[in-house]
């Protein structure tokens, strides 16, 4: 993912927001804000014929040193391109990249209604950890999150 991809990435992000079950965010941030919240090395776009079909990125879950190898995944696919295996390809590549960057645990918080994301995470090896009840609000309505995790088999195993 390059800075010049942001306009298309932001449009796909906005599509996810509009579903009401992809993120707690209500407004696509400006690029500098998004950029500062995501690691610079683990950002991907899926492109076909110069069009971005989806994106994936990783954020640090904490600035504390002890959590330096724990990241949270974001993956968004253009609505017209969902169900074509793009998310799976992005996830596999993001997992590989994250291990090269020293991440030993990846996590994802998913709304229970987002069945496609739950299915995708399970398909690429994430396991269900638990449910965080009423963790945040969207439009004044409390929402739960399901927490999924994938531990590396090559990083952090010593």
N, C-alpha and C. Protein backbone atom coordinates (compact mmCIF):
# COMPACT_ATOMS: atom_id res chain seq x y z
N UNK A 1 0.85 -1.17 0.00
CA UNK A 1 0.00 0.00 0.00
C UNK A 1 0.89 1.24 0.00
N UNK A 2 0.57 2.15 -0.89
CA UNK A 2 1.30 3.40 -0.99
C UNK A 2 0.37 4.55 -0.59
N UNK A 3 0.98 5.68 -0.29
CA UNK A 3 0.21 6.88 0.05
C UNK A 3 -0.79 7.21 -1.05
N UNK A 4 -0.39 7.01 -2.29
CA UNK A 4 -1.26 7.33 -3.43
C UNK A 4 -2.47 6.40 -3.53
N UNK A 5 -2.48 5.31 -2.77
CA UNK A 5 -3.62 4.38 -2.76
C UNK A 5 -4.75 4.86 -1.84
N UNK A 6 -4.47 5.88 -1.02
CA UNK A 6 -5.38 6.24 0.06
C UNK A 6 -6.80 6.53 -0.41
N UNK A 7 -6.99 7.22 -1.51
CA UNK A 7 -8.35 7.57 -1.94
C UNK A 7 -9.20 6.31 -2.14
N UNK A 8 -8.67 5.32 -2.83
CA UNK A 8 -9.41 4.08 -3.05
C UNK A 8 -9.55 3.27 -1.76
N UNK A 9 -8.49 3.24 -0.96
CA UNK A 9 -8.53 2.54 0.32
C UNK A 9 -9.61 3.15 1.20
N UNK A 10 -9.65 4.48 1.25
CA UNK A 10 -10.64 5.19 2.07
C UNK A 10 -12.07 4.91 1.60
N UNK A 11 -12.27 4.81 0.30
CA UNK A 11 -13.60 4.49 -0.23
C UNK A 11 -14.06 3.11 0.22
N UNK A 12 -13.15 2.15 0.17
CA UNK A 12 -13.49 0.79 0.61
C UNK A 12 -13.74 0.78 2.12
N UNK A 13 -12.95 1.53 2.85
CA UNK A 13 -13.14 1.65 4.30
C UNK A 13 -14.54 2.23 4.59
N UNK A 14 -14.92 3.25 3.83
CA UNK A 14 -16.25 3.87 4.01
C UNK A 14 -17.37 2.87 3.72
N UNK A 15 -17.17 2.01 2.74
CA UNK A 15 -18.17 0.97 2.45
C UNK A 15 -18.35 0.07 3.67
N UNK A 16 -17.24 -0.32 4.28
CA UNK A 16 -17.30 -1.16 5.47
C UNK A 16 -18.03 -0.45 6.60
N UNK A 17 -17.72 0.81 6.80
CA UNK A 17 -18.38 1.59 7.85
C UNK A 17 -19.88 1.64 7.63
N UNK A 18 -20.28 1.78 6.39
CA UNK A 18 -21.71 1.91 6.07
C UNK A 18 -22.51 0.65 6.42
N UNK A 19 -21.84 -0.50 6.52
CA UNK A 19 -22.56 -1.73 6.88
C UNK A 19 -23.05 -1.69 8.32
N UNK A 20 -22.35 -0.92 9.17
CA UNK A 20 -22.70 -0.87 10.58
C UNK A 20 -22.14 -2.01 11.41
N UNK A 21 -21.39 -2.92 10.78
CA UNK A 21 -20.81 -4.02 11.56
C UNK A 21 -19.37 -4.35 11.16
N UNK A 22 -18.65 -3.35 10.66
CA UNK A 22 -17.24 -3.58 10.32
C UNK A 22 -16.29 -2.85 11.27
N UNK A 23 -16.73 -1.74 11.84
CA UNK A 23 -15.87 -0.94 12.70
C UNK A 23 -16.72 -0.02 13.56
N UNK A 24 -16.16 0.41 14.67
CA UNK A 24 -16.82 1.42 15.49
C UNK A 24 -16.63 2.82 14.90
N UNK A 25 -15.65 2.97 14.03
CA UNK A 25 -15.43 4.28 13.41
C UNK A 25 -16.67 4.71 12.65
N UNK A 26 -16.94 6.00 12.68
CA UNK A 26 -18.12 6.54 12.00
C UNK A 26 -17.74 7.43 10.83
N UNK A 27 -16.45 7.76 10.74
CA UNK A 27 -15.98 8.66 9.70
C UNK A 27 -14.58 8.22 9.30
N UNK A 28 -14.33 8.18 8.01
CA UNK A 28 -12.99 7.83 7.53
C UNK A 28 -12.04 8.95 7.96
N UNK A 29 -10.96 8.60 8.64
CA UNK A 29 -10.02 9.64 9.07
C UNK A 29 -9.21 10.18 7.89
N UNK A 30 -8.60 11.32 8.10
CA UNK A 30 -7.65 11.82 7.12
C UNK A 30 -6.45 10.87 7.11
N UNK A 31 -5.73 10.85 5.98
CA UNK A 31 -4.63 9.91 5.85
C UNK A 31 -3.60 10.01 6.97
N UNK A 32 -3.16 11.19 7.38
CA UNK A 32 -2.14 11.23 8.45
C UNK A 32 -2.58 10.55 9.74
N UNK A 33 -3.85 10.65 10.07
CA UNK A 33 -4.36 9.98 11.28
C UNK A 33 -4.36 8.48 11.08
N UNK A 34 -4.88 8.01 9.93
CA UNK A 34 -4.89 6.57 9.63
C UNK A 34 -3.45 6.05 9.61
N UNK A 35 -2.57 6.77 8.94
CA UNK A 35 -1.17 6.38 8.79
C UNK A 35 -0.50 6.19 10.15
N UNK A 36 -0.73 7.11 11.07
CA UNK A 36 -0.08 7.03 12.38
C UNK A 36 -0.62 5.88 13.23
N UNK A 37 -1.80 5.38 12.90
CA UNK A 37 -2.41 4.29 13.68
C UNK A 37 -2.05 2.90 13.15
N UNK A 38 -1.37 2.82 12.01
CA UNK A 38 -1.06 1.52 11.39
C UNK A 38 0.44 1.39 11.15
N UNK A 39 0.93 0.17 11.31
CA UNK A 39 2.36 -0.07 11.07
C UNK A 39 2.69 0.20 9.61
N UNK A 40 3.86 0.72 9.37
CA UNK A 40 4.23 1.08 8.00
C UNK A 40 4.60 -0.13 7.15
N UNK A 41 5.00 -1.23 7.76
CA UNK A 41 5.48 -2.39 7.01
C UNK A 41 4.38 -3.38 6.64
N UNK A 42 3.30 -3.41 7.38
CA UNK A 42 2.26 -4.43 7.16
C UNK A 42 0.98 -3.79 6.64
N UNK A 43 1.05 -3.33 5.40
CA UNK A 43 -0.09 -2.71 4.71
C UNK A 43 -0.12 -3.29 3.29
N UNK A 44 -1.26 -3.76 2.90
CA UNK A 44 -1.38 -4.40 1.59
C UNK A 44 -2.61 -3.93 0.85
N UNK A 45 -2.55 -3.95 -0.46
CA UNK A 45 -3.72 -3.76 -1.30
C UNK A 45 -3.78 -4.89 -2.31
N UNK A 46 -4.98 -5.30 -2.64
CA UNK A 46 -5.19 -6.25 -3.73
C UNK A 46 -5.62 -5.42 -4.94
N UNK A 47 -4.90 -5.58 -6.04
CA UNK A 47 -5.13 -4.75 -7.22
C UNK A 47 -5.37 -5.63 -8.44
N UNK A 48 -6.35 -5.21 -9.23
CA UNK A 48 -6.60 -5.86 -10.52
C UNK A 48 -6.91 -4.76 -11.52
N UNK A 49 -6.17 -4.75 -12.62
CA UNK A 49 -6.35 -3.76 -13.67
C UNK A 49 -6.36 -2.34 -13.11
N UNK A 50 -5.37 -2.04 -12.28
CA UNK A 50 -5.17 -0.72 -11.68
C UNK A 50 -6.30 -0.27 -10.76
N UNK A 51 -7.10 -1.20 -10.29
CA UNK A 51 -8.18 -0.88 -9.35
C UNK A 51 -7.94 -1.65 -8.06
N UNK A 52 -8.04 -0.97 -6.94
CA UNK A 52 -7.87 -1.62 -5.64
C UNK A 52 -9.16 -2.34 -5.28
N UNK A 53 -9.05 -3.63 -5.03
CA UNK A 53 -10.20 -4.48 -4.72
C UNK A 53 -10.40 -4.65 -3.22
N UNK A 54 -9.33 -4.45 -2.46
CA UNK A 54 -9.40 -4.60 -1.01
C UNK A 54 -8.07 -4.23 -0.40
N UNK A 55 -8.07 -4.14 0.92
CA UNK A 55 -6.84 -3.79 1.62
C UNK A 55 -6.80 -4.47 2.98
N UNK A 56 -5.59 -4.58 3.50
CA UNK A 56 -5.38 -5.12 4.84
C UNK A 56 -4.23 -4.36 5.47
N UNK A 57 -4.31 -4.16 6.78
CA UNK A 57 -3.26 -3.44 7.49
C UNK A 57 -3.21 -3.94 8.93
N UNK A 58 -2.10 -3.63 9.57
CA UNK A 58 -1.88 -4.06 10.94
C UNK A 58 -1.61 -2.84 11.81
N UNK A 59 -2.16 -2.84 13.00
CA UNK A 59 -1.88 -1.80 14.00
C UNK A 59 -1.29 -2.46 15.23
N UNK A 60 -0.41 -1.74 15.88
CA UNK A 60 0.11 -2.19 17.18
C UNK A 60 -1.03 -2.11 18.19
N UNK A 61 -1.17 -3.10 19.05
CA UNK A 61 -2.24 -3.02 20.04
C UNK A 61 -1.85 -2.14 21.22
N UNK A 62 -0.54 -1.89 21.37
CA UNK A 62 -0.06 -1.08 22.49
C UNK A 62 1.31 -0.53 22.15
N UNK A 63 1.66 0.60 22.75
CA UNK A 63 3.00 1.15 22.59
C UNK A 63 3.98 0.54 23.58
N UNK A 64 3.49 -0.25 24.52
CA UNK A 64 4.37 -0.87 25.51
C UNK A 64 5.26 -1.91 24.83
N UNK A 65 6.51 -1.94 25.23
CA UNK A 65 7.50 -2.82 24.62
C UNK A 65 7.09 -4.29 24.69
N UNK A 66 6.52 -4.70 25.80
CA UNK A 66 6.15 -6.10 25.99
C UNK A 66 5.17 -6.58 24.92
N UNK A 67 4.38 -5.65 24.35
CA UNK A 67 3.38 -6.01 23.33
C UNK A 67 3.85 -5.69 21.90
N UNK A 68 5.15 -5.50 21.72
CA UNK A 68 5.66 -5.10 20.41
C UNK A 68 5.34 -6.10 19.30
N UNK A 69 5.11 -7.35 19.64
CA UNK A 69 4.83 -8.38 18.65
C UNK A 69 3.38 -8.78 18.56
N UNK A 70 2.50 -7.91 19.05
CA UNK A 70 1.06 -8.19 19.01
C UNK A 70 0.39 -7.11 18.18
N UNK A 71 -0.30 -7.53 17.14
CA UNK A 71 -0.95 -6.58 16.24
C UNK A 71 -2.40 -6.91 16.01
N UNK A 72 -3.15 -5.89 15.64
CA UNK A 72 -4.57 -6.07 15.31
C UNK A 72 -4.76 -5.88 13.82
N UNK A 73 -5.53 -6.79 13.23
CA UNK A 73 -5.76 -6.81 11.80
C UNK A 73 -6.98 -5.99 11.41
N UNK A 74 -6.83 -5.28 10.29
CA UNK A 74 -7.96 -4.67 9.60
C UNK A 74 -7.94 -5.23 8.18
N UNK A 75 -9.08 -5.69 7.71
CA UNK A 75 -9.18 -6.17 6.33
C UNK A 75 -10.54 -5.75 5.78
N UNK A 76 -10.51 -5.10 4.63
CA UNK A 76 -11.72 -4.57 4.00
C UNK A 76 -11.68 -4.89 2.51
N UNK A 77 -12.79 -5.40 2.00
CA UNK A 77 -12.90 -5.75 0.59
C UNK A 77 -14.02 -4.91 -0.03
N UNK A 78 -13.75 -4.38 -1.21
CA UNK A 78 -14.76 -3.64 -1.95
C UNK A 78 -16.03 -4.49 -2.07
N UNK A 79 -17.17 -3.87 -1.85
CA UNK A 79 -18.43 -4.62 -1.82
C UNK A 79 -18.66 -5.44 -3.09
N UNK A 80 -18.26 -4.91 -4.24
CA UNK A 80 -18.47 -5.63 -5.51
C UNK A 80 -17.54 -6.83 -5.66
N UNK A 81 -16.53 -6.91 -4.82
CA UNK A 81 -15.53 -7.97 -4.96
C UNK A 81 -15.48 -8.94 -3.79
N UNK A 82 -16.45 -8.87 -2.92
CA UNK A 82 -16.49 -9.79 -1.79
C UNK A 82 -16.87 -11.20 -2.25
N UNK A 83 -16.39 -12.19 -1.54
CA UNK A 83 -16.72 -13.58 -1.86
C UNK A 83 -15.89 -14.17 -2.98
N UNK A 84 -14.81 -13.51 -3.36
CA UNK A 84 -13.96 -13.98 -4.46
C UNK A 84 -12.59 -14.47 -4.00
N UNK A 85 -12.39 -14.57 -2.69
CA UNK A 85 -11.12 -15.06 -2.16
C UNK A 85 -10.07 -13.98 -1.96
N UNK A 86 -10.42 -12.72 -2.19
CA UNK A 86 -9.46 -11.63 -2.05
C UNK A 86 -9.06 -11.45 -0.59
N UNK A 87 -10.02 -11.51 0.31
CA UNK A 87 -9.73 -11.39 1.74
C UNK A 87 -8.78 -12.47 2.20
N UNK A 88 -8.99 -13.68 1.74
CA UNK A 88 -8.13 -14.81 2.12
C UNK A 88 -6.70 -14.57 1.63
N UNK A 89 -6.55 -14.12 0.40
CA UNK A 89 -5.21 -13.84 -0.13
C UNK A 89 -4.53 -12.74 0.66
N UNK A 90 -5.27 -11.67 0.95
CA UNK A 90 -4.69 -10.58 1.73
C UNK A 90 -4.28 -11.05 3.13
N UNK A 91 -5.14 -11.83 3.75
CA UNK A 91 -4.85 -12.32 5.10
C UNK A 91 -3.59 -13.20 5.11
N UNK A 92 -3.48 -14.12 4.17
CA UNK A 92 -2.30 -14.98 4.12
C UNK A 92 -1.03 -14.14 3.95
N UNK A 93 -1.09 -13.16 3.06
CA UNK A 93 0.09 -12.31 2.84
C UNK A 93 0.39 -11.46 4.07
N UNK A 94 -0.65 -10.93 4.71
CA UNK A 94 -0.46 -10.12 5.91
C UNK A 94 0.15 -10.95 7.04
N UNK A 95 -0.31 -12.17 7.18
CA UNK A 95 0.26 -13.07 8.20
C UNK A 95 1.74 -13.30 7.91
N UNK A 96 2.09 -13.61 6.67
CA UNK A 96 3.50 -13.81 6.30
C UNK A 96 4.33 -12.55 6.58
N UNK A 97 3.82 -11.40 6.16
CA UNK A 97 4.55 -10.15 6.38
C UNK A 97 4.71 -9.85 7.86
N UNK A 98 3.67 -10.12 8.62
CA UNK A 98 3.73 -9.82 10.06
C UNK A 98 4.82 -10.66 10.73
N UNK A 99 4.95 -11.90 10.34
CA UNK A 99 5.99 -12.75 10.93
C UNK A 99 7.38 -12.25 10.55
N UNK A 100 7.54 -11.78 9.33
CA UNK A 100 8.83 -11.21 8.91
C UNK A 100 9.16 -9.96 9.72
N UNK A 101 8.14 -9.28 10.20
CA UNK A 101 8.34 -8.06 10.99
C UNK A 101 8.37 -8.34 12.49
N UNK A 102 8.32 -9.62 12.89
CA UNK A 102 8.49 -9.98 14.29
C UNK A 102 7.22 -10.06 15.11
N UNK A 103 6.07 -10.10 14.47
CA UNK A 103 4.81 -10.24 15.21
C UNK A 103 4.58 -11.71 15.55
N UNK A 104 4.26 -11.99 16.80
CA UNK A 104 4.00 -13.36 17.23
C UNK A 104 2.52 -13.62 17.48
N UNK A 105 1.73 -12.57 17.61
CA UNK A 105 0.29 -12.73 17.82
C UNK A 105 -0.46 -11.69 17.00
N UNK A 106 -1.46 -12.17 16.28
CA UNK A 106 -2.37 -11.29 15.57
C UNK A 106 -3.74 -11.46 16.18
N UNK A 107 -4.45 -10.38 16.32
CA UNK A 107 -5.80 -10.46 16.86
C UNK A 107 -6.75 -9.64 16.01
N UNK A 108 -8.01 -9.94 16.17
CA UNK A 108 -9.05 -9.23 15.45
C UNK A 108 -10.30 -9.19 16.30
N UNK A 109 -10.92 -8.03 16.37
CA UNK A 109 -12.19 -7.86 17.06
C UNK A 109 -13.28 -7.74 16.00
N UNK A 110 -14.25 -8.63 16.06
CA UNK A 110 -15.25 -8.73 14.99
C UNK A 110 -16.65 -8.64 15.59
N UNK A 111 -17.51 -7.85 14.95
CA UNK A 111 -18.90 -7.81 15.38
C UNK A 111 -19.55 -9.17 15.09
N UNK A 112 -20.39 -9.67 16.00
CA UNK A 112 -21.03 -10.97 15.79
C UNK A 112 -21.83 -11.05 14.48
N UNK A 113 -22.33 -9.92 14.01
CA UNK A 113 -23.11 -9.89 12.77
C UNK A 113 -22.25 -10.07 11.52
N UNK A 114 -20.95 -9.87 11.65
CA UNK A 114 -20.06 -9.91 10.50
C UNK A 114 -19.61 -11.36 10.24
N UNK A 115 -20.55 -12.16 9.79
CA UNK A 115 -20.31 -13.58 9.59
C UNK A 115 -19.22 -13.87 8.56
N UNK A 116 -19.13 -13.04 7.53
CA UNK A 116 -18.11 -13.26 6.50
C UNK A 116 -16.71 -13.09 7.10
N UNK A 117 -16.53 -12.09 7.95
CA UNK A 117 -15.23 -11.88 8.57
C UNK A 117 -14.89 -12.99 9.55
N UNK A 118 -15.87 -13.44 10.30
CA UNK A 118 -15.66 -14.56 11.23
C UNK A 118 -15.21 -15.80 10.44
N UNK A 119 -15.91 -16.08 9.36
CA UNK A 119 -15.58 -17.23 8.52
C UNK A 119 -14.16 -17.10 7.95
N UNK A 120 -13.81 -15.92 7.46
CA UNK A 120 -12.49 -15.67 6.90
C UNK A 120 -11.40 -15.91 7.95
N UNK A 121 -11.58 -15.35 9.13
CA UNK A 121 -10.56 -15.51 10.16
C UNK A 121 -10.37 -16.98 10.55
N UNK A 122 -11.47 -17.70 10.68
CA UNK A 122 -11.35 -19.13 10.99
C UNK A 122 -10.64 -19.87 9.86
N UNK A 123 -10.94 -19.52 8.64
CA UNK A 123 -10.36 -20.19 7.47
C UNK A 123 -8.84 -20.03 7.41
N UNK A 124 -8.33 -18.90 7.90
CA UNK A 124 -6.87 -18.68 7.83
C UNK A 124 -6.18 -18.99 9.16
N UNK A 125 -6.88 -19.67 10.06
CA UNK A 125 -6.23 -20.19 11.25
C UNK A 125 -6.40 -19.42 12.55
N UNK A 126 -7.28 -18.43 12.56
CA UNK A 126 -7.55 -17.73 13.82
C UNK A 126 -8.48 -18.58 14.67
N UNK A 127 -8.35 -18.41 15.99
CA UNK A 127 -9.25 -19.13 16.89
C UNK A 127 -10.03 -18.12 17.72
N UNK A 128 -11.24 -18.50 18.06
CA UNK A 128 -12.11 -17.67 18.89
C UNK A 128 -11.58 -17.66 20.31
N UNK A 129 -11.40 -16.48 20.88
CA UNK A 129 -10.88 -16.32 22.24
C UNK A 129 -12.00 -16.02 23.22
N UNK A 130 -12.91 -15.15 22.82
CA UNK A 130 -13.98 -14.78 23.73
C UNK A 130 -14.82 -13.63 23.20
N UNK A 131 -15.81 -13.29 23.98
CA UNK A 131 -16.75 -12.24 23.61
C UNK A 131 -16.61 -11.07 24.58
N UNK A 132 -16.44 -9.88 24.03
CA UNK A 132 -16.43 -8.67 24.85
C UNK A 132 -17.80 -8.03 24.69
N UNK A 133 -18.56 -8.06 25.76
CA UNK A 133 -19.94 -7.57 25.72
C UNK A 133 -19.99 -6.06 25.90
N UNK A 134 -20.86 -5.44 25.10
CA UNK A 134 -21.10 -4.01 25.23
C UNK A 134 -19.79 -3.23 25.32
N UNK A 135 -18.88 -3.50 24.39
CA UNK A 135 -17.54 -2.91 24.42
C UNK A 135 -17.53 -1.48 23.87
N UNK A 136 -18.51 -1.14 23.04
CA UNK A 136 -18.58 0.21 22.48
C UNK A 136 -19.93 0.44 21.84
N UNK A 137 -20.19 1.70 21.49
CA UNK A 137 -21.48 2.07 20.90
C UNK A 137 -21.32 2.54 19.46
N UNK A 138 -22.34 2.21 18.67
CA UNK A 138 -22.51 2.78 17.34
C UNK A 138 -23.90 3.40 17.32
N UNK A 139 -23.96 4.67 17.02
CA UNK A 139 -25.24 5.38 16.98
C UNK A 139 -26.04 5.16 18.26
N UNK A 140 -25.37 5.18 19.38
CA UNK A 140 -26.03 5.05 20.67
C UNK A 140 -26.41 3.63 21.06
N UNK A 141 -26.05 2.65 20.25
CA UNK A 141 -26.40 1.25 20.55
C UNK A 141 -25.15 0.49 20.94
N UNK A 142 -25.21 -0.17 22.10
CA UNK A 142 -24.08 -0.97 22.56
C UNK A 142 -23.86 -2.16 21.63
N UNK A 143 -22.59 -2.44 21.34
CA UNK A 143 -22.24 -3.55 20.47
C UNK A 143 -21.24 -4.46 21.16
N UNK A 144 -21.36 -5.75 20.88
CA UNK A 144 -20.40 -6.74 21.35
C UNK A 144 -19.31 -6.91 20.29
N UNK A 145 -18.19 -7.46 20.70
CA UNK A 145 -17.12 -7.85 19.79
C UNK A 145 -16.69 -9.26 20.14
N UNK A 146 -16.38 -10.03 19.11
CA UNK A 146 -15.80 -11.35 19.28
C UNK A 146 -14.31 -11.21 19.03
N UNK A 147 -13.52 -11.76 19.92
CA UNK A 147 -12.07 -11.64 19.81
C UNK A 147 -11.49 -12.93 19.23
N UNK A 148 -10.74 -12.78 18.15
CA UNK A 148 -10.06 -13.89 17.49
C UNK A 148 -8.56 -13.64 17.55
N UNK A 149 -7.78 -14.74 17.58
CA UNK A 149 -6.33 -14.64 17.71
C UNK A 149 -5.65 -15.71 16.86
N UNK A 150 -4.49 -15.34 16.35
CA UNK A 150 -3.63 -16.31 15.65
C UNK A 150 -2.22 -16.13 16.18
N UNK A 151 -1.67 -17.23 16.68
CA UNK A 151 -0.30 -17.22 17.20
C UNK A 151 0.63 -17.77 16.12
N UNK A 152 1.77 -17.12 15.95
CA UNK A 152 2.76 -17.58 15.00
C UNK A 152 3.37 -18.88 15.48
N UNK A 153 3.68 -19.73 14.53
CA UNK A 153 4.38 -20.97 14.84
C UNK A 153 5.89 -20.80 14.66
N UNK A 154 6.33 -19.61 14.20
CA UNK A 154 7.76 -19.41 13.98
C UNK A 154 8.34 -18.21 14.76
N UNK A 155 7.51 -17.26 15.15
CA UNK A 155 7.98 -16.08 15.90
C UNK A 155 7.47 -16.19 17.32
N UNK A 156 8.36 -15.95 18.29
CA UNK A 156 7.96 -15.97 19.69
C UNK A 156 7.71 -17.34 20.26
N UNK A 157 8.33 -18.36 19.69
CA UNK A 157 8.10 -19.72 20.16
C UNK A 157 9.22 -20.21 21.08
N UNK A 158 10.24 -19.40 21.26
CA UNK A 158 11.36 -19.83 22.11
C UNK A 158 11.08 -19.64 23.58
